[in-house]
Amino acid sequence: LGGAGGGRGAELQEQYDALFEEASYLKRRCAQLERENARLEHGRRHTSKDKRQLLEKVAELEAALVAERRKRADMEEALATAYNATLRELVEAGAGRPNGAGASRAAAAKPTRPLKGTQRLRALASSPPP
């Protein structure tokens, strides 16, 4: 009887030690998870501020991009207008010449891109007067 009671006591002691070890592990794990949770919460609060700043910056850059595109479209329109005016002047200058000699020269010297201000003046100055 005494041996059976002693065996049962040793078995209970082993279960107690195992449960005590498991409880100690779970307490350490719980403390580790609490620290990790606090770190993540801290990071989330700072990330929210950064995210708001990033969203504001994105909105600002999108507005700047729209303004640049609008400015580019206006510049292209002005350039096309100047190009058309230069072509019209060349055609009109060629139409006033005898036998239409200037018109064929203007057609042969048809530029592939618009002339800039000084190039346009040189082209007009180099053509003979009507």
Foldseek 3Di string as FASTA:
>chain_A
DVVVVVVVVVVVVVVVVVVVVVVVVVVVVVVVVVVVVVVVVVVVVVVVVVVVVVVVVVVVVVVVVVVVVVVVVVVVVVQVVQQVVLLVVQCVQQVPDPPSPSNVVSVVPPDPGRDDDVRSVVVVVPDDGD
